[in-house]
Amino acid sequence: MGGVYRHKKTRFGDETHTSYGYDSVDLLEEGLKEFLESGNDARRIVSCLIKTQISIELIFKEYLKGICPALILERIDDEGIQVIKIFSLEGKTTNRTKNNKQELRTANFVIILKRLNQFVDLSAIMDKLLELSKLRNEVVHHEININLDDINLLLAKDIFPFMYSFLEPLAQRPVHIASPKIVSLDVSLWKRLEKVTKSMIDLFEGNLMKKITFFEDKYERLTPGQIKEFSKTNVVLGPDDVDAFIEDCQCPSCKNDTLWLIIGIDYDWNPDGTLQFPYRYMKCPMCGLELQDDEIRYIQENPKSFFKTGKANRWSDIDHIFDQDRE
């Protein structure tokens, strides 16, 4: 899916410029508005999810195209037809009719993210963008049931705040040297998001603390014999899990250094081919606590709420393990 482009005559010849029009920023804000007004309406939340993912893909492609149009191509074929299409060079070729019939194929979202990461540091948000893409694919291609609370939290806590931080500097100046238009943002809309995000984070924190307390109470009811038995237990990998690591991370529930990091890969098949979505979670065989990625990150960002001084040190290492394992 491509952006909205236009040609500009200059004294140096024809230039192709990216216009951040309805197909990108406007569509993102339309998705944001729908999100803010969705309440518990599943259809509107899913509609927002789809619009948001599509708009982000467009924005990132337009950004890369501003650097070099070839960066958004799926591949460069032997005859260079895709390059001819992206630079609108059909009129200069010997077989204009044939080249006009060729379809321009741009890279899928996962590849676009990898290429954009060469110019913009996406390390802190990459997993969330991949999760967004995965959820969108599940809705569009597989029609499976998904957790609406997870979608709401992902959009409010991660995706929308990141996109504002990405676009806000562009509202002050043209996007790269190739963009003729300064991004226009509806500031009032994004301010409404701040209030919603804070409320959802507070709810998320409350649910996490309840979960940790539940497994803490469960551990305290174990007999010495049960504790000894569980101390010898290893985690069992699921069908998509790839590896497990015991890194002496203290469990926030039972306070034992028995928390395992499990890494896996979800595979998704769609018209773009096979896509891989790495994931991670942590599990303690002593008390049964299981932490998902959002919960892991929150604990890492707020260690004093969960551990005594020095007990959270090992938690900082698990990001390195996860990043290294999926390279």
C-alpha atoms as a PDB file:
ATOM      1  CA  MET A   1       0.000   0.000   0.000  1.00  0.00           C
ATOM      2  CA  GLY A   2       1.549   3.271  -1.045  1.00  0.00           C
ATOM      3  CA  GLY A   3       1.239   6.902  -0.137  1.00  0.00           C
ATOM      4  CA  VAL A   4      -0.027   9.932  -2.014  1.00  0.00           C
ATOM      5  CA  TYR A   5       2.656  11.347  -4.255  1.00  0.00           C
ATOM      6  CA  ARG A   6       3.003  14.317  -6.575  1.00  0.00           C
ATOM      7  CA  HIS A   7       5.530  15.678  -9.033  1.00  0.00           C
ATOM      8  CA  LYS A   8       7.167  19.058  -8.777  1.00  0.00           C
ATOM      9  CA  LYS A   9       8.944  20.922 -11.557  1.00  0.00           C
ATOM     10  CA  THR A  10      12.265  22.410 -10.490  1.00  0.00           C
ATOM     11  CA  ARG A  11      15.216  23.873 -12.303  1.00  0.00           C
ATOM     12  CA  PHE A  12      16.932  20.539 -11.681  1.00  0.00           C
ATOM     13  CA  GLY A  13      14.150  18.582 -13.414  1.00  0.00           C
ATOM     14  CA  ASP A  14      11.203  16.541 -12.159  1.00  0.00           C
ATOM     15  CA  GLU A  15      11.144  15.567  -8.496  1.00  0.00           C
ATOM     16  CA  THR A  16       8.749  13.219  -6.774  1.00  0.00           C
ATOM     17  CA  HIS A  17       7.541  14.474  -3.409  1.00  0.00           C
ATOM     18  CA  THR A  18       5.608  12.823  -0.647  1.00  0.00           C
ATOM     19  CA  SER A  19       2.359  14.417   0.435  1.00  0.00           C
ATOM     20  CA  TYR A  20       1.251  13.423   3.909  1.00  0.00           C
ATOM     21  CA  GLY A  21      -2.415  13.506   2.935  1.00  0.00           C
ATOM     22  CA  TYR A  22      -5.583  11.633   3.866  1.00  0.00           C
ATOM     23  CA  ASP A  23      -3.963   8.255   3.338  1.00  0.00           C
ATOM     24  CA  SER A  24      -1.574   8.678   6.240  1.00  0.00           C
ATOM     25  CA  VAL A  25      -1.768  11.229   9.060  1.00  0.00           C
ATOM     26  CA  ASP A  26      -5.446  12.001   8.514  1.00  0.00           C
ATOM     27  CA  LEU A  27      -6.237   8.288   8.556  1.00  0.00           C
ATOM     28  CA  LEU A  28      -4.200   7.856  11.749  1.00  0.00           C
ATOM     29  CA  GLU A  29      -6.138  10.637  13.462  1.00  0.00           C
ATOM     30  CA  GLU A  30      -9.395   9.166  12.177  1.00  0.00           C
ATOM     31  CA  GLY A  31      -8.374   5.913  13.861  1.00  0.00           C
ATOM     32  CA  LEU A  32      -7.452   7.803  17.043  1.00  0.00           C
ATOM     33  CA  LYS A  33     -10.807   9.592  17.095  1.00  0.00           C
ATOM     34  CA  GLU A  34     -12.624   6.297  16.632  1.00  0.00           C
ATOM     35  CA  PHE A  35     -10.555   4.813  19.460  1.00  0.00           C
ATOM     36  CA  LEU A  36     -11.453   7.654  21.838  1.00  0.00           C
ATOM     37  CA  GLU A  37     -15.150   7.275  21.028  1.00  0.00           C
ATOM     38  CA  SER A  38     -15.256   3.462  20.860  1.00  0.00           C
ATOM     39  CA  GLY A  39     -16.054   2.652  24.487  1.00  0.00           C
ATOM     40  CA  ASN A  40     -16.689  -1.104  24.621  1.00  0.00           C
ATOM     41  CA  ASP A  41     -17.851  -1.323  21.002  1.00  0.00           C
ATOM     42  CA  ALA A  42     -15.836  -4.250  19.619  1.00  0.00           C
ATOM     43  CA  ARG A  43     -16.505  -3.368  15.981  1.00  0.00           C
ATOM     44  CA  ARG A  44     -15.203   0.187  16.412  1.00  0.00           C
ATOM     45  CA  ILE A  45     -12.139  -0.962  18.335  1.00  0.00           C
ATOM     46  CA  VAL A  46     -11.262  -3.463  15.596  1.00  0.00           C
ATOM     47  CA  SER A  47     -11.932  -0.813  12.922  1.00  0.00           C
ATOM     48  CA  CYS A  48      -9.566   1.532  14.770  1.00  0.00           C
ATOM     49  CA  LEU A  49      -6.924  -1.210  14.927  1.00  0.00           C
ATOM     50  CA  ILE A  50      -7.033  -1.736  11.160  1.00  0.00           C
ATOM     51  CA  LYS A  51      -7.002   1.982  10.308  1.00  0.00           C
ATOM     52  CA  THR A  52      -4.139   2.627  12.704  1.00  0.00           C
ATOM     53  CA  GLN A  53      -1.917  -0.133  11.339  1.00  0.00           C
ATOM     54  CA  ILE A  54      -2.586   0.850   7.720  1.00  0.00           C
ATOM     55  CA  SER A  55      -1.930   4.537   8.403  1.00  0.00           C
ATOM     56  CA  ILE A  56       1.339   3.801  10.236  1.00  0.00           C
ATOM     57  CA  GLU A  57       2.520   1.643   7.356  1.00  0.00           C
ATOM     58  CA  LEU A  58       1.741   4.502   4.956  1.00  0.00           C
ATOM     59  CA  ILE A  59       3.492   7.083   7.130  1.00  0.00           C
ATOM     60  CA  PHE A  60       6.625   4.973   7.456  1.00  0.00           C
ATOM     61  CA  LYS A  61       6.716   4.252   3.734  1.00  0.00           C
ATOM     62  CA  GLU A  62       6.337   7.940   2.963  1.00  0.00           C
ATOM     63  CA  TYR A  63       9.122   8.752   5.413  1.00  0.00           C
ATOM     64  CA  LEU A  64      11.455   6.216   3.780  1.00  0.00           C
ATOM     65  CA  LYS A  65      10.468   7.418   0.327  1.00  0.00           C
ATOM     66  CA  GLY A  66      11.576  10.884   1.375  1.00  0.00           C
ATOM     67  CA  ILE A  67      15.039   9.452   2.051  1.00  0.00           C
ATOM     68  CA  CYS A  68      15.198   7.246  -1.038  1.00  0.00           C
ATOM     69  CA  PRO A  69      12.184   5.861  -2.944  1.00  0.00           C
ATOM     70  CA  ALA A  70      13.915   2.511  -3.502  1.00  0.00           C
ATOM     71  CA  LEU A  71      13.746   1.852   0.260  1.00  0.00           C
ATOM     72  CA  ILE A  72      10.053   0.983   0.053  1.00  0.00           C
ATOM     73  CA  LEU A  73      10.381  -1.555  -2.761  1.00  0.00           C
ATOM     74  CA  GLU A  74       9.742  -5.216  -2.057  1.00  0.00           C
ATOM     75  CA  ARG A  75      12.730  -6.060  -4.237  1.00  0.00           C
ATOM     76  CA  ILE A  76      14.717  -4.702  -7.168  1.00  0.00           C
ATOM     77  CA  ASP A  77      14.221  -7.028 -10.127  1.00  0.00           C
ATOM     78  CA  ASP A  78      16.874  -7.831 -12.731  1.00  0.00           C
ATOM     79  CA  GLU A  79      15.380  -5.457 -15.303  1.00  0.00           C
ATOM     80  CA  GLY A  80      14.984  -2.669 -12.782  1.00  0.00           C
ATOM     81  CA  ILE A  81      11.274  -2.307 -13.543  1.00  0.00           C
ATOM     82  CA  GLN A  82      10.408  -1.632  -9.906  1.00  0.00           C
ATOM     83  CA  VAL A  83      12.945   1.196  -9.814  1.00  0.00           C
ATOM     84  CA  ILE A  84      11.491   2.535 -13.063  1.00  0.00           C
ATOM     85  CA  LYS A  85       8.020   2.526 -11.477  1.00  0.00           C
ATOM     86  CA  ILE A  86       9.009   4.140  -8.189  1.00  0.00           C
ATOM     87  CA  PHE A  87      10.903   6.957  -9.924  1.00  0.00           C
ATOM     88  CA  SER A  88       8.217   7.327 -12.660  1.00  0.00           C
ATOM     89  CA  LEU A  89      10.735   6.701 -15.450  1.00  0.00           C
ATOM     90  CA  GLU A  90       8.394   4.806 -17.797  1.00  0.00           C
ATOM     91  CA  GLY A  91       8.516   7.587 -20.378  1.00  0.00           C
ATOM     92  CA  LYS A  92      12.263   7.213 -20.733  1.00  0.00           C
ATOM     93  CA  THR A  93      12.223   3.457 -21.392  1.00  0.00           C
ATOM     94  CA  THR A  94      12.149   1.629 -24.745  1.00  0.00           C
ATOM     95  CA  ASN A  95       9.098  -0.455 -23.804  1.00  0.00           C
ATOM     96  CA  ARG A  96       6.798   2.044 -22.151  1.00  0.00           C
ATOM     97  CA  THR A  97       3.604   0.008 -22.671  1.00  0.00           C
ATOM     98  CA  LYS A  98       5.032  -3.085 -20.985  1.00  0.00           C
ATOM     99  CA  ASN A  99       6.456  -1.125 -18.070  1.00  0.00           C
ATOM    100  CA  ASN A 100       3.197   0.766 -17.518  1.00  0.00           C
ATOM    101  CA  LYS A 101       1.409  -2.566 -17.031  1.00  0.00           C
ATOM    102  CA  GLN A 102       3.812  -3.689 -14.324  1.00  0.00           C
ATOM    103  CA  GLU A 103       2.495  -3.426 -10.774  1.00  0.00           C
ATOM    104  CA  LEU A 104       4.577  -1.556  -8.219  1.00  0.00           C
ATOM    105  CA  ARG A 105       5.163  -3.898  -5.287  1.00  0.00           C
ATOM    106  CA  THR A 106       6.237  -2.324  -2.024  1.00  0.00           C
ATOM    107  CA  ALA A 107       7.761  -4.137   0.950  1.00  0.00           C
ATOM    108  CA  ASN A 108       5.590  -5.564   3.705  1.00  0.00           C
ATOM    109  CA  PHE A 109       5.295  -3.867   7.080  1.00  0.00           C
ATOM    110  CA  VAL A 110       7.907  -6.024   8.815  1.00  0.00           C
ATOM    111  CA  ILE A 111      10.551  -5.200   6.195  1.00  0.00           C
ATOM    112  CA  ILE A 112       9.583  -1.517   6.271  1.00  0.00           C
ATOM    113  CA  LEU A 113      10.172  -1.495  10.038  1.00  0.00           C
ATOM    114  CA  LYS A 114      13.619  -3.048   9.636  1.00  0.00           C
ATOM    115  CA  ARG A 115      14.585  -0.467   7.026  1.00  0.00           C
ATOM    116  CA  LEU A 116      13.181   2.467   8.975  1.00  0.00           C
ATOM    117  CA  ASN A 117      15.134   1.290  12.016  1.00  0.00           C
ATOM    118  CA  GLN A 118      18.305   2.146  10.084  1.00  0.00           C
ATOM    119  CA  PHE A 119      17.309   5.822  10.221  1.00  0.00           C
ATOM    120  CA  VAL A 120      15.017   6.053  13.266  1.00  0.00           C
ATOM    121  CA  ASP A 121      15.679   4.155  16.501  1.00  0.00           C
ATOM    122  CA  LEU A 122      12.659   1.876  16.881  1.00  0.00           C
ATOM    123  CA  SER A 123      14.190  -0.437  19.491  1.00  0.00           C
ATOM    124  CA  ALA A 124      11.828   0.664  22.273  1.00  0.00           C
ATOM    125  CA  ILE A 125       8.674   0.277  20.175  1.00  0.00           C
ATOM    126  CA  MET A 126       9.579  -2.412  17.625  1.00  0.00           C
ATOM    127  CA  ASP A 127       7.883  -5.271  19.500  1.00  0.00           C
ATOM    128  CA  LYS A 128       4.688  -3.247  19.866  1.00  0.00           C
ATOM    129  CA  LEU A 129       4.606  -2.324  16.179  1.00  0.00           C
ATOM    130  CA  LEU A 130       5.068  -5.996  15.303  1.00  0.00           C
ATOM    131  CA  GLU A 131       2.287  -6.903  17.722  1.00  0.00           C
ATOM    132  CA  LEU A 132       0.027  -4.318  16.073  1.00  0.00           C
ATOM    133  CA  SER A 133       0.744  -5.836  12.667  1.00  0.00           C
ATOM    134  CA  LYS A 134       0.119  -9.345  13.980  1.00  0.00           C
ATOM    135  CA  LEU A 135      -3.232  -8.367  15.501  1.00  0.00           C
ATOM    136  CA  ARG A 136      -4.298  -6.650  12.306  1.00  0.00           C
ATOM    137  CA  ASN A 137      -3.394  -9.738  10.254  1.00  0.00           C
ATOM    138  CA  GLU A 138      -5.321 -11.968  12.638  1.00  0.00           C
ATOM    139  CA  VAL A 139      -8.422  -9.811  12.314  1.00  0.00           C
ATOM    140  CA  VAL A 140      -8.246  -9.412   8.539  1.00  0.00           C
ATOM    141  CA  HIS A 141      -7.054 -12.862   7.451  1.00  0.00           C
ATOM    142  CA  HIS A 142      -8.143 -15.279  10.138  1.00  0.00           C
ATOM    143  CA  GLU A 143     -11.177 -13.686  11.809  1.00  0.00           C
ATOM    144  CA  ILE A 144     -10.206 -15.098  15.194  1.00  0.00           C
ATOM    145  CA  ASN A 145     -11.287 -13.773  18.569  1.00  0.00           C
ATOM    146  CA  ILE A 146      -8.834 -11.338  20.116  1.00  0.00           C
ATOM    147  CA  ASN A 147      -8.714  -9.651  23.497  1.00  0.00           C
ATOM    148  CA  LEU A 148     -10.125  -6.130  23.173  1.00  0.00           C
ATOM    149  CA  ASP A 149      -8.483  -5.072  26.438  1.00  0.00           C
ATOM    150  CA  ASP A 150      -5.095  -5.980  24.956  1.00  0.00           C
ATOM    151  CA  ILE A 151      -5.834  -3.889  21.856  1.00  0.00           C
ATOM    152  CA  ASN A 152      -6.956  -0.905  23.929  1.00  0.00           C
ATOM    153  CA  LEU A 153      -3.854  -1.027  26.099  1.00  0.00           C
ATOM    154  CA  LEU A 154      -1.509  -1.504  23.145  1.00  0.00           C
ATOM    155  CA  LEU A 155      -2.954   1.495  21.303  1.00  0.00           C
ATOM    156  CA  ALA A 156      -3.297   3.831  24.288  1.00  0.00           C
ATOM    157  CA  LYS A 157      -0.081   2.980  26.133  1.00  0.00           C
ATOM    158  CA  ASP A 158       2.329   2.364  23.254  1.00  0.00           C
ATOM    159  CA  ILE A 159       1.259   2.909  19.650  1.00  0.00           C
ATOM    160  CA  PHE A 160      -0.497   6.276  19.727  1.00  0.00           C
ATOM    161  CA  PRO A 161       2.001   7.950  22.114  1.00  0.00           C
ATOM    162  CA  PHE A 162       4.892   6.774  19.937  1.00  0.00           C
ATOM    163  CA  MET A 163       3.252   8.007  16.742  1.00  0.00           C
ATOM    164  CA  TYR A 164       2.697  11.417  18.300  1.00  0.00           C
ATOM    165  CA  SER A 165       6.362  11.592  19.324  1.00  0.00           C
ATOM    166  CA  PHE A 166       7.295  10.527  15.781  1.00  0.00           C
ATOM    167  CA  LEU A 167       5.046  13.039  14.028  1.00  0.00           C
ATOM    168  CA  GLU A 168       5.181  16.020  16.394  1.00  0.00           C
ATOM    169  CA  PRO A 169       8.694  17.147  15.316  1.00  0.00           C
ATOM    170  CA  LEU A 170       7.551  16.855  11.700  1.00  0.00           C
ATOM    171  CA  ALA A 171       4.761  19.330  12.443  1.00  0.00           C
ATOM    172  CA  GLN A 172       7.467  21.982  12.829  1.00  0.00           C
ATOM    173  CA  ARG A 173       9.262  21.363   9.552  1.00  0.00           C
ATOM    174  CA  PRO A 174       8.919  19.474   6.255  1.00  0.00           C
ATOM    175  CA  VAL A 175       9.575  15.758   6.440  1.00  0.00           C
ATOM    176  CA  HIS A 176      13.159  15.274   5.289  1.00  0.00           C
ATOM    177  CA  ILE A 177      14.250  17.259   2.270  1.00  0.00           C
ATOM    178  CA  ALA A 178      11.803  15.539  -0.051  1.00  0.00           C
ATOM    179  CA  SER A 179       8.519  16.528   1.558  1.00  0.00           C
ATOM    180  CA  PRO A 180       6.769  19.705   0.417  1.00  0.00           C
ATOM    181  CA  LYS A 181       4.179  19.649   3.198  1.00  0.00           C
ATOM    182  CA  ILE A 182       4.494  20.178   6.946  1.00  0.00           C
ATOM    183  CA  VAL A 183       2.524  17.599   8.942  1.00  0.00           C
ATOM    184  CA  SER A 184      -0.648  18.995  10.473  1.00  0.00           C
ATOM    185  CA  LEU A 185      -1.802  17.464  13.764  1.00  0.00           C
ATOM    186  CA  ASP A 186      -5.066  17.925  15.650  1.00  0.00           C
ATOM    187  CA  VAL A 187      -3.500  18.796  19.007  1.00  0.00           C
ATOM    188  CA  SER A 188      -6.815  18.713  20.901  1.00  0.00           C
ATOM    189  CA  LEU A 189      -7.345  15.116  19.789  1.00  0.00           C
ATOM    190  CA  TRP A 190      -3.944  14.022  21.082  1.00  0.00           C
ATOM    191  CA  LYS A 191      -4.491  15.805  24.408  1.00  0.00           C
ATOM    192  CA  ARG A 192      -7.655  13.771  24.913  1.00  0.00           C
ATOM    193  CA  LEU A 193      -5.525  10.674  24.418  1.00  0.00           C
ATOM    194  CA  GLU A 194      -3.244  11.655  27.335  1.00  0.00           C
ATOM    195  CA  LYS A 195      -6.139  11.403  29.802  1.00  0.00           C
ATOM    196  CA  VAL A 196      -7.269   8.045  28.449  1.00  0.00           C
ATOM    197  CA  THR A 197      -3.704   6.685  28.505  1.00  0.00           C
ATOM    198  CA  LYS A 198      -3.196   7.649  32.153  1.00  0.00           C
ATOM    199  CA  SER A 199      -6.435   5.958  33.185  1.00  0.00           C
ATOM    200  CA  MET A 200      -5.562   2.777  31.297  1.00  0.00           C
ATOM    201  CA  ILE A 201      -2.046   2.625  32.761  1.00  0.00           C
ATOM    202  CA  ASP A 202      -3.484   3.021  36.272  1.00  0.00           C
ATOM    203  CA  LEU A 203      -5.892   0.167  35.554  1.00  0.00           C
ATOM    204  CA  PHE A 204      -3.066  -1.939  34.111  1.00  0.00           C
ATOM    205  CA  GLU A 205      -0.903  -1.351  37.199  1.00  0.00           C
ATOM    206  CA  GLY A 206      -3.778  -2.262  39.500  1.00  0.00           C
ATOM    207  CA  ASN A 207      -4.450  -5.521  37.660  1.00  0.00           C
ATOM    208  CA  LEU A 208      -0.747  -6.411  37.678  1.00  0.00           C
ATOM    209  CA  MET A 209      -0.466  -5.852  41.427  1.00  0.00           C
ATOM    210  CA  LYS A 210      -3.546  -8.017  42.032  1.00  0.00           C
ATOM    211  CA  LYS A 211      -2.020 -10.774  39.919  1.00  0.00           C
ATOM    212  CA  ILE A 212       1.306 -10.649  41.780  1.00  0.00           C
ATOM    213  CA  THR A 213      -0.457 -10.657  45.154  1.00  0.00           C
ATOM    214  CA  PHE A 214      -2.588 -13.664  44.167  1.00  0.00           C
ATOM    215  CA  PHE A 215       0.464 -15.811  43.400  1.00  0.00           C
ATOM    216  CA  GLU A 216       2.266 -14.491  46.480  1.00  0.00           C
ATOM    217  CA  ASP A 217      -0.620 -15.756  48.629  1.00  0.00           C
ATOM    218  CA  LYS A 218      -0.631 -19.037  46.714  1.00  0.00           C
ATOM    219  CA  TYR A 219       3.081 -19.559  47.434  1.00  0.00           C
ATOM    220  CA  GLU A 220       2.680 -18.794  51.130  1.00  0.00           C
ATOM    221  CA  ARG A 221       0.150 -21.631  51.417  1.00  0.00           C
ATOM    222  CA  LEU A 222       2.594 -24.229  50.052  1.00  0.00           C
ATOM    223  CA  THR A 223       4.029 -26.847  52.410  1.00  0.00           C
ATOM    224  CA  PRO A 224       7.826 -27.249  52.772  1.00  0.00           C
ATOM    225  CA  GLY A 225       7.550 -30.497  50.813  1.00  0.00           C
ATOM    226  CA  GLN A 226       5.741 -28.804  47.935  1.00  0.00           C
ATOM    227  CA  ILE A 227       8.297 -26.002  47.853  1.00  0.00           C
ATOM    228  CA  LYS A 228      11.133 -28.539  47.677  1.00  0.00           C
ATOM    229  CA  GLU A 229       9.370 -30.388  44.849  1.00  0.00           C
ATOM    230  CA  PHE A 230       8.651 -27.233  42.838  1.00  0.00           C
ATOM    231  CA  SER A 231      12.254 -26.042  43.249  1.00  0.00           C
ATOM    232  CA  LYS A 232      13.336 -28.962  41.036  1.00  0.00           C
ATOM    233  CA  THR A 233      10.761 -28.176  38.343  1.00  0.00           C
ATOM    234  CA  ASN A 234      11.694 -26.687  34.975  1.00  0.00           C
ATOM    235  CA  VAL A 235       9.285 -24.873  32.695  1.00  0.00           C
ATOM    236  CA  VAL A 236       7.627 -26.767  29.850  1.00  0.00           C
ATOM    237  CA  LEU A 237       7.885 -25.087  26.446  1.00  0.00           C
ATOM    238  CA  GLY A 238       4.746 -24.488  24.416  1.00  0.00           C
ATOM    239  CA  PRO A 239       4.385 -25.370  20.695  1.00  0.00           C
ATOM    240  CA  ASP A 240       5.665 -21.980  19.479  1.00  0.00           C
ATOM    241  CA  ASP A 241       8.241 -21.472  22.244  1.00  0.00           C
ATOM    242  CA  VAL A 242      11.844 -21.669  21.034  1.00  0.00           C
ATOM    243  CA  ASP A 243      14.022 -21.458  24.140  1.00  0.00           C
ATOM    244  CA  ALA A 244      13.980 -20.831  27.875  1.00  0.00           C
ATOM    245  CA  PHE A 245      16.555 -19.164  30.113  1.00  0.00           C
ATOM    246  CA  ILE A 246      16.953 -19.111  33.871  1.00  0.00           C
ATOM    247  CA  GLU A 247      18.726 -15.853  34.658  1.00  0.00           C
ATOM    248  CA  ASP A 248      18.435 -15.659  38.448  1.00  0.00           C
ATOM    249  CA  CYS A 249      15.653 -13.106  38.094  1.00  0.00           C
ATOM    250  CA  GLN A 250      13.700 -12.677  41.295  1.00  0.00           C
ATOM    251  CA  CYS A 251      10.010 -13.469  41.050  1.00  0.00           C
ATOM    252  CA  PRO A 252       7.960 -10.474  42.270  1.00  0.00           C
ATOM    253  CA  SER A 253       5.446 -12.858  43.880  1.00  0.00           C
ATOM    254  CA  CYS A 254       7.385 -15.555  45.756  1.00  0.00           C
ATOM    255  CA  LYS A 255      10.730 -13.642  45.878  1.00  0.00           C
ATOM    256  CA  ASN A 256      12.725 -16.671  44.709  1.00  0.00           C
ATOM    257  CA  ASP A 257      15.315 -16.351  41.932  1.00  0.00           C
ATOM    258  CA  THR A 258      13.361 -18.854  39.861  1.00  0.00           C
ATOM    259  CA  LEU A 259      11.789 -16.792  37.110  1.00  0.00           C
ATOM    260  CA  TRP A 260      12.331 -18.204  33.627  1.00  0.00           C
ATOM    261  CA  LEU A 261      12.442 -16.151  30.425  1.00  0.00           C
ATOM    262  CA  ILE A 262      10.748 -17.969  27.538  1.00  0.00           C
ATOM    263  CA  ILE A 263      11.230 -16.822  23.952  1.00  0.00           C
ATOM    264  CA  GLY A 264       9.204 -17.929  20.964  1.00  0.00           C
ATOM    265  CA  ILE A 265       8.079 -17.022  17.461  1.00  0.00           C
ATOM    266  CA  ASP A 266       4.574 -16.722  16.066  1.00  0.00           C
ATOM    267  CA  TYR A 267       4.329 -17.391  12.343  1.00  0.00           C
ATOM    268  CA  ASP A 268       1.720 -15.731  10.186  1.00  0.00           C
ATOM    269  CA  TRP A 269       0.926 -16.650   6.593  1.00  0.00           C
ATOM    270  CA  ASN A 270      -0.607 -13.982   4.358  1.00  0.00           C
ATOM    271  CA  PRO A 271      -0.295 -12.687   0.759  1.00  0.00           C
ATOM    272  CA  ASP A 272       3.035 -11.061   1.664  1.00  0.00           C
ATOM    273  CA  GLY A 273       4.483 -14.442   2.580  1.00  0.00           C
ATOM    274  CA  THR A 274       5.479 -15.909   5.919  1.00  0.00           C
ATOM    275  CA  LEU A 275       5.951 -13.304   8.646  1.00  0.00           C
ATOM    276  CA  GLN A 276       7.697 -13.949  11.954  1.00  0.00           C
ATOM    277  CA  PHE A 277       6.666 -12.242  15.188  1.00  0.00           C
ATOM    278  CA  PRO A 278       9.036 -12.850  18.141  1.00  0.00           C
ATOM    279  CA  TYR A 279       7.494 -12.871  21.613  1.00  0.00           C
ATOM    280  CA  ARG A 280       8.587 -13.416  25.195  1.00  0.00           C
ATOM    281  CA  TYR A 281       7.069 -14.107  28.575  1.00  0.00           C
ATOM    282  CA  MET A 282       8.334 -15.085  32.031  1.00  0.00           C
ATOM    283  CA  LYS A 283       7.178 -17.913  34.245  1.00  0.00           C
ATOM    284  CA  CYS A 284       7.968 -19.028  37.782  1.00  0.00           C
ATOM    285  CA  PRO A 285       7.601 -22.783  38.467  1.00  0.00           C
ATOM    286  CA  MET A 286       7.621 -22.138  42.217  1.00  0.00           C
ATOM    287  CA  CYS A 287       4.443 -20.066  42.521  1.00  0.00           C
ATOM    288  CA  GLY A 288       3.001 -20.267  38.991  1.00  0.00           C
ATOM    289  CA  LEU A 289       3.243 -16.548  38.169  1.00  0.00           C
ATOM    290  CA  GLU A 290       3.355 -15.842  34.434  1.00  0.00           C
ATOM    291  CA  LEU A 291       4.207 -12.382  33.093  1.00  0.00           C
ATOM    292  CA  GLN A 292       3.500 -11.134  29.583  1.00  0.00           C
ATOM    293  CA  ASP A 293       5.687  -8.643  27.728  1.00  0.00           C
ATOM    294  CA  ASP A 294       3.742  -5.549  28.841  1.00  0.00           C
ATOM    295  CA  GLU A 295       4.010  -6.645  32.451  1.00  0.00           C
ATOM    296  CA  ILE A 296       7.729  -7.396  32.107  1.00  0.00           C
ATOM    297  CA  ARG A 297       8.391  -3.930  30.711  1.00  0.00           C
ATOM    298  CA  TYR A 298       6.339  -2.241  33.401  1.00  0.00           C
ATOM    299  CA  ILE A 299       8.251  -4.022  36.162  1.00  0.00           C
ATOM    300  CA  GLN A 300      11.552  -3.094  34.492  1.00  0.00           C
ATOM    301  CA  GLU A 301      10.484   0.555  34.365  1.00  0.00           C
ATOM    302  CA  ASN A 302       9.246   0.588  37.980  1.00  0.00           C
ATOM    303  CA  PRO A 303      11.550  -1.799  39.907  1.00  0.00           C
ATOM    304  CA  LYS A 304      11.152  -0.040  43.266  1.00  0.00           C
ATOM    305  CA  SER A 305       7.464  -0.954  43.293  1.00  0.00           C
ATOM    306  CA  PHE A 306       8.289  -4.660  43.145  1.00  0.00           C
ATOM    307  CA  PHE A 307      11.764  -5.333  44.570  1.00  0.00           C
ATOM    308  CA  LYS A 308      14.129  -4.362  47.338  1.00  0.00           C
ATOM    309  CA  THR A 309      17.279  -2.460  46.356  1.00  0.00           C
ATOM    310  CA  GLY A 310      19.557  -4.518  44.121  1.00  0.00           C
ATOM    311  CA  LYS A 311      17.092  -7.331  43.505  1.00  0.00           C
ATOM    312  CA  ALA A 312      16.027  -6.021  40.091  1.00  0.00           C
ATOM    313  CA  ASN A 313      19.537  -5.944  38.626  1.00  0.00           C
ATOM    314  CA  ARG A 314      19.143  -9.162  36.636  1.00  0.00           C
ATOM    315  CA  TRP A 315      15.957  -7.889  35.040  1.00  0.00           C
ATOM    316  CA  SER A 316      17.933  -5.446  32.918  1.00  0.00           C
ATOM    317  CA  ASP A 317      19.777  -8.353  31.252  1.00  0.00           C
ATOM    318  CA  ILE A 318      16.722 -10.040  29.794  1.00  0.00           C
ATOM    319  CA  ASP A 319      16.285  -7.413  27.057  1.00  0.00           C
ATOM    320  CA  HIS A 320      19.763  -8.231  25.785  1.00  0.00           C
ATOM    321  CA  ILE A 321      18.960 -11.953  25.742  1.00  0.00           C
ATOM    322  CA  PHE A 322      15.710 -11.375  23.855  1.00  0.00           C
ATOM    323  CA  ASP A 323      17.285  -9.042  21.289  1.00  0.00           C
ATOM    324  CA  GLN A 324      20.253 -11.370  20.759  1.00  0.00           C
ATOM    325  CA  ASP A 325      18.092 -14.465  20.420  1.00  0.00           C
ATOM    326  CA  ARG A 326      15.848 -13.038  17.693  1.00  0.00           C
ATOM    327  CA  GLU A 327      18.615 -11.591  15.505  1.00  0.00           C
END
